[in-house]
Amino acid sequence: MKILTVCGSGLGTSFMVEMNIKQILEELGVTEVEVTHSDLSSATPGDADVFFLAKDIAEGGAHLGNVVVLESIIDMEELRDKVKQVLQENGLL
């Protein structure tokens, strides 16, 4: 499975969320997931199975398909809960 974290510029926010997801996956012992980051204008529906976006760009990323919207990009508990939900939905947890 592949997760793509997306932000407006593809530099700071998406990279931070990528690193945090990788940390959560490591804590959970999940190794079957690839996590990368991108800017919104470069992301396409075929780039990943699931896309994590901040709420401020969620509308612009609706075309991507399976989108998980983060209310707060710095709330690790929210991110952990949403990552776990995605993993459960895909039979990885």
PDB file of N, CA and C in Angstrom:
ATOM      1  N   MET A   1       0.840  -1.171   0.000  1.00  0.00           N
ATOM      2  CA  MET A   1       0.000   0.000   0.000  1.00  0.00           C
ATOM      3  C   MET A   1       0.892   1.243   0.000  1.00  0.00           C
ATOM      4  N   LYS A   2       0.390   2.291  -0.633  1.00  0.00           N
ATOM      5  CA  LYS A   2       1.151   3.526  -0.705  1.00  0.00           C
ATOM      6  C   LYS A   2       0.319   4.688  -0.183  1.00  0.00           C
ATOM      7  N   ILE A   3       0.947   5.492   0.678  1.00  0.00           N
ATOM      8  CA  ILE A   3       0.340   6.710   1.208  1.00  0.00           C
ATOM      9  C   ILE A   3       1.127   7.897   0.677  1.00  0.00           C
ATOM     10  N   LEU A   4       0.413   8.925   0.220  1.00  0.00           N
ATOM     11  CA  LEU A   4       1.045  10.162  -0.223  1.00  0.00           C
ATOM     12  C   LEU A   4       0.533  11.295   0.642  1.00  0.00           C
ATOM     13  N   THR A   5       1.452  12.015   1.270  1.00  0.00           N
ATOM     14  CA  THR A   5       1.067  13.195   2.035  1.00  0.00           C
ATOM     15  C   THR A   5       1.207  14.400   1.108  1.00  0.00           C
ATOM     16  N   VAL A   6       0.230  15.273   1.159  1.00  0.00           N
ATOM     17  CA  VAL A   6       0.164  16.370   0.186  1.00  0.00           C
ATOM     18  C   VAL A   6      -0.014  17.706   0.899  1.00  0.00           C
ATOM     19  N   CYS A   7       0.727  18.713   0.422  1.00  0.00           N
ATOM     20  CA  CYS A   7       0.526  20.083   0.897  1.00  0.00           C
ATOM     21  C   CYS A   7       0.635  21.019  -0.301  1.00  0.00           C
ATOM     22  N   GLY A   8       0.475  22.283  -0.050  1.00  0.00           N
ATOM     23  CA  GLY A   8       0.477  23.261  -1.130  1.00  0.00           C
ATOM     24  C   GLY A   8       1.764  23.328  -1.913  1.00  0.00           C
ATOM     25  N   SER A   9       2.903  23.274  -1.234  1.00  0.00           N
ATOM     26  CA  SER A   9       4.187  23.415  -1.921  1.00  0.00           C
ATOM     27  C   SER A   9       4.979  22.117  -2.003  1.00  0.00           C
ATOM     28  N   GLY A  10       4.612  21.112  -1.227  1.00  0.00           N
ATOM     29  CA  GLY A  10       5.330  19.846  -1.252  1.00  0.00           C
ATOM     30  C   GLY A  10       6.629  19.849  -0.488  1.00  0.00           C
ATOM     31  N   LEU A  11       6.817  20.853   0.350  1.00  0.00           N
ATOM     32  CA  LEU A  11       8.076  20.963   1.078  1.00  0.00           C
ATOM     33  C   LEU A  11       7.925  20.676   2.562  1.00  0.00           C
ATOM     34  N   GLY A  12       7.404  21.608   3.320  1.00  0.00           N
ATOM     35  CA  GLY A  12       7.406  21.493   4.772  1.00  0.00           C
ATOM     36  C   GLY A  12       6.332  20.609   5.366  1.00  0.00           C
ATOM     37  N   THR A  13       5.085  20.984   5.154  1.00  0.00           N
ATOM     38  CA  THR A  13       3.984  20.297   5.807  1.00  0.00           C
ATOM     39  C   THR A  13       3.897  18.837   5.393  1.00  0.00           C
ATOM     40  N   SER A  14       3.921  18.574   4.103  1.00  0.00           N
ATOM     41  CA  SER A  14       3.773  17.187   3.645  1.00  0.00           C
ATOM     42  C   SER A  14       4.944  16.331   4.092  1.00  0.00           C
ATOM     43  N   PHE A  15       6.139  16.892   4.141  1.00  0.00           N
ATOM     44  CA  PHE A  15       7.304  16.134   4.598  1.00  0.00           C
ATOM     45  C   PHE A  15       7.186  15.820   6.088  1.00  0.00           C
ATOM     46  N   MET A  16       6.720  16.793   6.877  1.00  0.00           N
ATOM     47  CA  MET A  16       6.542  16.568   8.307  1.00  0.00           C
ATOM     48  C   MET A  16       5.502  15.469   8.564  1.00  0.00           C
ATOM     49  N   VAL A  17       4.382  15.534   7.851  1.00  0.00           N
ATOM     50  CA  VAL A  17       3.341  14.515   8.027  1.00  0.00           C
ATOM     51  C   VAL A  17       3.864  13.151   7.567  1.00  0.00           C
ATOM     52  N   GLU A  18       4.638  13.119   6.484  1.00  0.00           N
ATOM     53  CA  GLU A  18       5.247  11.865   6.032  1.00  0.00           C
ATOM     54  C   GLU A  18       6.109  11.254   7.134  1.00  0.00           C
ATOM     55  N   MET A  19       6.973  12.056   7.737  1.00  0.00           N
ATOM     56  CA  MET A  19       7.853  11.559   8.799  1.00  0.00           C
ATOM     57  C   MET A  19       7.041  11.061  10.001  1.00  0.00           C
ATOM     58  N   ASN A  20       5.982  11.782  10.348  1.00  0.00           N
ATOM     59  CA  ASN A  20       5.145  11.371  11.470  1.00  0.00           C
ATOM     60  C   ASN A  20       4.404  10.067  11.171  1.00  0.00           C
ATOM     61  N   ILE A  21       3.925   9.900   9.945  1.00  0.00           N
ATOM     62  CA  ILE A  21       3.267   8.639   9.578  1.00  0.00           C
ATOM     63  C   ILE A  21       4.267   7.495   9.629  1.00  0.00           C
ATOM     64  N   LYS A  22       5.463   7.717   9.137  1.00  0.00           N
ATOM     65  CA  LYS A  22       6.490   6.673   9.190  1.00  0.00           C
ATOM     66  C   LYS A  22       6.793   6.281  10.633  1.00  0.00           C
ATOM     67  N   GLN A  23       6.830   7.241  11.528  1.00  0.00           N
ATOM     68  CA  GLN A  23       7.056   6.962  12.949  1.00  0.00           C
ATOM     69  C   GLN A  23       5.916   6.117  13.516  1.00  0.00           C
ATOM     70  N   ILE A  24       4.690   6.467  13.181  1.00  0.00           N
ATOM     71  CA  ILE A  24       3.524   5.715  13.655  1.00  0.00           C
ATOM     72  C   ILE A  24       3.560   4.287  13.112  1.00  0.00           C
ATOM     73  N   LEU A  25       3.872   4.130  11.837  1.00  0.00           N
ATOM     74  CA  LEU A  25       3.953   2.796  11.243  1.00  0.00           C
ATOM     75  C   LEU A  25       5.013   1.947  11.940  1.00  0.00           C
ATOM     76  N   GLU A  26       6.143   2.574  12.248  1.00  0.00           N
ATOM     77  CA  GLU A  26       7.215   1.863  12.952  1.00  0.00           C
ATOM     78  C   GLU A  26       6.747   1.428  14.333  1.00  0.00           C
ATOM     79  N   GLU A  27       6.080   2.329  15.045  1.00  0.00           N
ATOM     80  CA  GLU A  27       5.555   2.000  16.376  1.00  0.00           C
ATOM     81  C   GLU A  27       4.578   0.831  16.317  1.00  0.00           C
ATOM     82  N   LEU A  28       3.792   0.767  15.251  1.00  0.00           N
ATOM     83  CA  LEU A  28       2.797  -0.286  15.089  1.00  0.00           C
ATOM     84  C   LEU A  28       3.386  -1.565  14.491  1.00  0.00           C
ATOM     85  N   GLY A  29       4.625  -1.498  14.032  1.00  0.00           N
ATOM     86  CA  GLY A  29       5.262  -2.665  13.438  1.00  0.00           C
ATOM     87  C   GLY A  29       4.766  -2.982  12.037  1.00  0.00           C
ATOM     88  N   VAL A  30       4.249  -1.977  11.345  1.00  0.00           N
ATOM     89  CA  VAL A  30       3.723  -2.163   9.987  1.00  0.00           C
ATOM     90  C   VAL A  30       4.805  -1.784   8.981  1.00  0.00           C
ATOM     91  N   THR A  31       5.148  -2.725   8.105  1.00  0.00           N
ATOM     92  CA  THR A  31       6.227  -2.490   7.145  1.00  0.00           C
ATOM     93  C   THR A  31       5.758  -2.520   5.691  1.00  0.00           C
ATOM     94  N   GLU A  32       4.501  -2.861   5.471  1.00  0.00           N
ATOM     95  CA  GLU A  32       3.998  -3.028   4.099  1.00  0.00           C
ATOM     96  C   GLU A  32       3.485  -1.736   3.474  1.00  0.00           C
ATOM     97  N   VAL A  33       3.844  -0.586   4.046  1.00  0.00           N
ATOM     98  CA  VAL A  33       3.320   0.691   3.569  1.00  0.00           C
ATOM     99  C   VAL A  33       4.468   1.601   3.153  1.00  0.00           C
ATOM    100  N   GLU A  34       4.358   2.157   1.950  1.00  0.00           N
ATOM    101  CA  GLU A  34       5.312   3.148   1.452  1.00  0.00           C
ATOM    102  C   GLU A  34       4.696   4.523   1.652  1.00  0.00           C
ATOM    103  N   VAL A  35       5.467   5.449   2.194  1.00  0.00           N
ATOM    104  CA  VAL A  35       4.966   6.806   2.445  1.00  0.00           C
ATOM    105  C   VAL A  35       5.884   7.805   1.760  1.00  0.00           C
ATOM    106  N   THR A  36       5.306   8.688   0.951  1.00  0.00           N
ATOM    107  CA  THR A  36       6.055   9.754   0.291  1.00  0.00           C
ATOM    108  C   THR A  36       5.242  11.044   0.403  1.00  0.00           C
ATOM    109  N   HIS A  37       5.815  12.138  -0.103  1.00  0.00           N
ATOM    110  CA  HIS A  37       5.109  13.422  -0.052  1.00  0.00           C
ATOM    111  C   HIS A  37       5.172  14.126  -1.403  1.00  0.00           C
ATOM    112  N   SER A  38       4.245  15.079  -1.577  1.00  0.00           N
ATOM    113  CA  SER A  38       4.146  15.795  -2.848  1.00  0.00           C
ATOM    114  C   SER A  38       3.418  17.115  -2.643  1.00  0.00           C
ATOM    115  N   ASP A  39       3.517  17.955  -3.652  1.00  0.00           N
ATOM    116  CA  ASP A  39       2.701  19.176  -3.658  1.00  0.00           C
ATOM    117  C   ASP A  39       1.372  18.873  -4.343  1.00  0.00           C
ATOM    118  N   LEU A  40       0.371  19.659  -4.054  1.00  0.00           N
ATOM    119  CA  LEU A  40      -0.979  19.424  -4.551  1.00  0.00           C
ATOM    120  C   LEU A  40      -1.057  19.446  -6.069  1.00  0.00           C
ATOM    121  N   SER A  41      -0.362  20.373  -6.715  1.00  0.00           N
ATOM    122  CA  SER A  41      -0.475  20.488  -8.175  1.00  0.00           C
ATOM    123  C   SER A  41       0.169  19.311  -8.910  1.00  0.00           C
ATOM    124  N   SER A  42       1.091  18.591  -8.266  1.00  0.00           N
ATOM    125  CA  SER A  42       1.741  17.441  -8.907  1.00  0.00           C
ATOM    126  C   SER A  42       1.053  16.121  -8.602  1.00  0.00           C
ATOM    127  N   ALA A  43       0.263  16.053  -7.553  1.00  0.00           N
ATOM    128  CA  ALA A  43      -0.372  14.798  -7.135  1.00  0.00           C
ATOM    129  C   ALA A  43      -1.482  14.398  -8.099  1.00  0.00           C
ATOM    130  N   THR A  44      -1.492  13.106  -8.438  1.00  0.00           N
ATOM    131  CA  THR A  44      -2.540  12.560  -9.299  1.00  0.00           C
ATOM    132  C   THR A  44      -3.152  11.337  -8.614  1.00  0.00           C
ATOM    133  N   PRO A  45      -4.385  10.978  -8.989  1.00  0.00           N
ATOM    134  CA  PRO A  45      -5.061   9.859  -8.333  1.00  0.00           C
ATOM    135  C   PRO A  45      -4.270   8.543  -8.345  1.00  0.00           C
ATOM    136  N   GLY A  46      -3.455   8.303  -9.346  1.00  0.00           N
ATOM    137  CA  GLY A  46      -2.699   7.068  -9.427  1.00  0.00           C
ATOM    138  C   GLY A  46      -1.423   7.039  -8.607  1.00  0.00           C
ATOM    139  N   ASP A  47      -1.102   8.132  -7.947  1.00  0.00           N
ATOM    140  CA  ASP A  47       0.148   8.215  -7.182  1.00  0.00           C
ATOM    141  C   ASP A  47       0.142   7.396  -5.901  1.00  0.00           C
ATOM    142  N   ALA A  48      -1.032   7.137  -5.338  1.00  0.00           N
ATOM    143  CA  ALA A  48      -1.098   6.432  -4.055  1.00  0.00           C
ATOM    144  C   ALA A  48      -2.473   5.806  -3.871  1.00  0.00           C
ATOM    145  N   ASP A  49      -2.544   4.957  -2.855  1.00  0.00           N
ATOM    146  CA  ASP A  49      -3.826   4.357  -2.485  1.00  0.00           C
ATOM    147  C   ASP A  49      -4.618   5.286  -1.573  1.00  0.00           C
ATOM    148  N   VAL A  50      -3.889   6.047  -0.750  1.00  0.00           N
ATOM    149  CA  VAL A  50      -4.506   6.960   0.215  1.00  0.00           C
ATOM    150  C   VAL A  50      -3.700   8.248   0.240  1.00  0.00           C
ATOM    151  N   PHE A  51      -4.411   9.376   0.320  1.00  0.00           N
ATOM    152  CA  PHE A  51      -3.784  10.690   0.350  1.00  0.00           C
ATOM    153  C   PHE A  51      -4.135  11.382   1.662  1.00  0.00           C
ATOM    154  N   PHE A  52      -3.126  11.872   2.374  1.00  0.00           N
ATOM    155  CA  PHE A  52      -3.341  12.643   3.599  1.00  0.00           C
ATOM    156  C   PHE A  52      -3.134  14.106   3.281  1.00  0.00           C
ATOM    157  N   LEU A  53      -4.155  14.935   3.560  1.00  0.00           N
ATOM    158  CA  LEU A  53      -4.114  16.369   3.282  1.00  0.00           C
ATOM    159  C   LEU A  53      -4.589  17.158   4.498  1.00  0.00           C
ATOM    160  N   ALA A  54      -4.055  18.352   4.666  1.00  0.00           N
ATOM    161  CA  ALA A  54      -4.555  19.265   5.688  1.00  0.00           C
ATOM    162  C   ALA A  54      -5.898  19.818   5.223  1.00  0.00           C
ATOM    163  N   LYS A  55      -6.728  20.194   6.171  1.00  0.00           N
ATOM    164  CA  LYS A  55      -8.077  20.647   5.827  1.00  0.00           C
ATOM    165  C   LYS A  55      -8.083  21.886   4.932  1.00  0.00           C
ATOM    166  N   ASP A  56      -7.033  22.719   5.005  1.00  0.00           N
ATOM    167  CA  ASP A  56      -7.020  23.942   4.198  1.00  0.00           C
ATOM    168  C   ASP A  56      -6.879  23.676   2.700  1.00  0.00           C
ATOM    169  N   ILE A  57      -6.415  22.490   2.301  1.00  0.00           N
ATOM    170  CA  ILE A  57      -6.315  22.172   0.869  1.00  0.00           C
ATOM    171  C   ILE A  57      -7.179  20.972   0.491  1.00  0.00           C
ATOM    172  N   ALA A  58      -8.020  20.523   1.420  1.00  0.00           N
ATOM    173  CA  ALA A  58      -8.831  19.326   1.179  1.00  0.00           C
ATOM    174  C   ALA A  58      -9.737  19.477  -0.040  1.00  0.00           C
ATOM    175  N   GLU A  59     -10.331  20.625  -0.204  1.00  0.00           N
ATOM    176  CA  GLU A  59     -11.224  20.836  -1.350  1.00  0.00           C
ATOM    177  C   GLU A  59     -10.451  20.718  -2.661  1.00  0.00           C
ATOM    178  N   GLY A  60      -9.250  21.275  -2.699  1.00  0.00           N
ATOM    179  CA  GLY A  60      -8.422  21.205  -3.906  1.00  0.00           C
ATOM    180  C   GLY A  60      -7.912  19.811  -4.202  1.00  0.00           C
ATOM    181  N   GLY A  61      -7.903  18.942  -3.195  1.00  0.00           N
ATOM    182  CA  GLY A  61      -7.416  17.581  -3.392  1.00  0.00           C
ATOM    183  C   GLY A  61      -8.514  16.549  -3.513  1.00  0.00           C
ATOM    184  N   ALA A  62      -9.760  16.984  -3.579  1.00  0.00           N
ATOM    185  CA  ALA A  62     -10.886  16.051  -3.648  1.00  0.00           C
ATOM    186  C   ALA A  62     -10.804  15.130  -4.864  1.00  0.00           C
ATOM    187  N   HIS A  63     -10.184  15.589  -5.933  1.00  0.00           N
ATOM    188  CA  HIS A  63     -10.080  14.797  -7.164  1.00  0.00           C
ATOM    189  C   HIS A  63      -9.149  13.590  -7.024  1.00  0.00           C
ATOM    190  N   LEU A  64      -8.385  13.533  -5.943  1.00  0.00           N
ATOM    191  CA  LEU A  64      -7.394  12.472  -5.783  1.00  0.00           C
ATOM    192  C   LEU A  64      -8.012  11.123  -5.445  1.00  0.00           C
ATOM    193  N   GLY A  65      -9.201  11.123  -4.892  1.00  0.00           N
ATOM    194  CA  GLY A  65      -9.854   9.854  -4.579  1.00  0.00           C
ATOM    195  C   GLY A  65      -9.940   9.612  -3.087  1.00  0.00           C
ATOM    196  N   ASN A  66      -9.197   8.632  -2.584  1.00  0.00           N
ATOM    197  CA  ASN A  66      -9.255   8.246  -1.178  1.00  0.00           C
ATOM    198  C   ASN A  66      -8.428   9.228  -0.346  1.00  0.00           C
ATOM    199  N   VAL A  67      -9.094  10.277   0.130  1.00  0.00           N
ATOM    200  CA  VAL A  67      -8.428  11.365   0.838  1.00  0.00           C
ATOM    201  C   VAL A  67      -8.768  11.317   2.321  1.00  0.00           C
ATOM    202  N   VAL A  68      -7.749  11.450   3.161  1.00  0.00           N
ATOM    203  CA  VAL A  68      -7.924  11.579   4.603  1.00  0.00           C
ATOM    204  C   VAL A  68      -7.579  13.020   4.947  1.00  0.00           C
ATOM    205  N   VAL A  69      -8.536  13.722   5.522  1.00  0.00           N
ATOM    206  CA  VAL A  69      -8.354  15.130   5.857  1.00  0.00           C
ATOM    207  C   VAL A  69      -7.923  15.257   7.310  1.00  0.00           C
ATOM    208  N   LEU A  70      -6.832  15.984   7.515  1.00  0.00           N
ATOM    209  CA  LEU A  70      -6.329  16.235   8.864  1.00  0.00           C
ATOM    210  C   LEU A  70      -6.802  17.601   9.343  1.00  0.00           C
ATOM    211  N   GLU A  71      -7.499  17.609  10.461  1.00  0.00           N
ATOM    212  CA  GLU A  71      -7.945  18.872  11.045  1.00  0.00           C
ATOM    213  C   GLU A  71      -6.750  19.681  11.537  1.00  0.00           C
ATOM    214  N   SER A  72      -5.744  18.971  12.093  1.00  0.00           N
ATOM    215  CA  SER A  72      -4.537  19.619  12.595  1.00  0.00           C
ATOM    216  C   SER A  72      -3.328  18.797  12.163  1.00  0.00           C
ATOM    217  N   ILE A  73      -2.392  19.420  11.493  1.00  0.00           N
ATOM    218  CA  ILE A  73      -1.214  18.684  11.014  1.00  0.00           C
ATOM    219  C   ILE A  73      -0.220  18.391  12.128  1.00  0.00           C
ATOM    220  N   ILE A  74      -0.414  18.993  13.290  1.00  0.00           N
ATOM    221  CA  ILE A  74       0.522  18.763  14.394  1.00  0.00           C
ATOM    222  C   ILE A  74      -0.065  17.888  15.496  1.00  0.00           C
ATOM    223  N   ASP A  75      -1.304  17.468  15.353  1.00  0.00           N
ATOM    224  CA  ASP A  75      -1.960  16.628  16.356  1.00  0.00           C
ATOM    225  C   ASP A  75      -1.615  15.165  16.085  1.00  0.00           C
ATOM    226  N   MET A  76      -0.638  14.626  16.838  1.00  0.00           N
ATOM    227  CA  MET A  76      -0.192  13.253  16.622  1.00  0.00           C
ATOM    228  C   MET A  76      -1.282  12.234  16.946  1.00  0.00           C
ATOM    229  N   GLU A  77      -2.134  12.542  17.909  1.00  0.00           N
ATOM    230  CA  GLU A  77      -3.208  11.590  18.249  1.00  0.00           C
ATOM    231  C   GLU A  77      -4.207  11.475  17.101  1.00  0.00           C
ATOM    232  N   GLU A  78      -4.563  12.609  16.495  1.00  0.00           N
ATOM    233  CA  GLU A  78      -5.465  12.577  15.344  1.00  0.00           C
ATOM    234  C   GLU A  78      -4.824  11.783  14.218  1.00  0.00           C
ATOM    235  N   LEU A  79      -3.559  12.056  13.947  1.00  0.00           N
ATOM    236  CA  LEU A  79      -2.860  11.365  12.866  1.00  0.00           C
ATOM    237  C   LEU A  79      -2.782   9.869  13.156  1.00  0.00           C
ATOM    238  N   ARG A  80      -2.431   9.506  14.379  1.00  0.00           N
ATOM    239  CA  ARG A  80      -2.331   8.097  14.773  1.00  0.00           C
ATOM    240  C   ARG A  80      -3.682   7.389  14.577  1.00  0.00           C
ATOM    241  N   ASP A  81      -4.759   8.032  15.016  1.00  0.00           N
ATOM    242  CA  ASP A  81      -6.095   7.445  14.866  1.00  0.00           C
ATOM    243  C   ASP A  81      -6.454   7.242  13.398  1.00  0.00           C
ATOM    244  N   LYS A  82      -6.145   8.234  12.567  1.00  0.00           N
ATOM    245  CA  LYS A  82      -6.514   8.144  11.151  1.00  0.00           C
ATOM    246  C   LYS A  82      -5.636   7.141  10.405  1.00  0.00           C
ATOM    247  N   VAL A  83      -4.367   7.046  10.774  1.00  0.00           N
ATOM    248  CA  VAL A  83      -3.486   6.040  10.167  1.00  0.00           C
ATOM    249  C   VAL A  83      -3.972   4.643  10.553  1.00  0.00           C
ATOM    250  N   LYS A  84      -4.305   4.445  11.819  1.00  0.00           N
ATOM    251  CA  LYS A  84      -4.813   3.144  12.267  1.00  0.00           C
ATOM    252  C   LYS A  84      -6.080   2.766  11.520  1.00  0.00           C
ATOM    253  N   GLN A  85      -6.970   3.724  11.324  1.00  0.00           N
ATOM    254  CA  GLN A  85      -8.213   3.466  10.611  1.00  0.00           C
ATOM    255  C   GLN A  85      -7.930   3.021   9.175  1.00  0.00           C
ATOM    256  N   VAL A  86      -7.017   3.701   8.500  1.00  0.00           N
ATOM    257  CA  VAL A  86      -6.650   3.337   7.125  1.00  0.00           C
ATOM    258  C   VAL A  86      -6.052   1.934   7.091  1.00  0.00           C
ATOM    259  N   LEU A  87      -5.181   1.643   8.047  1.00  0.00           N
ATOM    260  CA  LEU A  87      -4.552   0.320   8.102  1.00  0.00           C
ATOM    261  C   LEU A  87      -5.582  -0.769   8.343  1.00  0.00           C
ATOM    262  N   GLN A  88      -6.532  -0.515   9.235  1.00  0.00           N
ATOM    263  CA  GLN A  88      -7.588  -1.497   9.507  1.00  0.00           C
ATOM    264  C   GLN A  88      -8.458  -1.717   8.282  1.00  0.00           C
ATOM    265  N   GLU A  89      -8.821  -0.638   7.593  1.00  0.00           N
ATOM    266  CA  GLU A  89      -9.647  -0.736   6.390  1.00  0.00           C
ATOM    267  C   GLU A  89      -8.967  -1.526   5.290  1.00  0.00           C
ATOM    268  N   ASN A  90      -7.628  -1.535   5.300  1.00  0.00           N
ATOM    269  CA  ASN A  90      -6.867  -2.230   4.265  1.00  0.00           C
ATOM    270  C   ASN A  90      -6.280  -3.556   4.755  1.00  0.00           C
ATOM    271  N   GLY A  91      -6.725  -4.012   5.907  1.00  0.00           N
ATOM    272  CA  GLY A  91      -6.310  -5.307   6.422  1.00  0.00           C
ATOM    273  C   GLY A  91      -4.862  -5.393   6.842  1.00  0.00           C
ATOM    274  N   LEU A  92      -4.259  -4.276   7.205  1.00  0.00           N
ATOM    275  CA  LEU A  92      -2.859  -4.268   7.600  1.00  0.00           C
ATOM    276  C   LEU A  92      -2.668  -4.154   9.108  1.00  0.00           C
ATOM    277  N   LEU A  93      -3.759  -4.080   9.831  1.00  0.00           N
ATOM    278  CA  LEU A  93      -3.672  -3.957  11.290  1.00  0.00           C
ATOM    279  C   LEU A  93      -4.786  -4.748  11.934  1.00  0.00           C
TER     280      LEU A  93
END
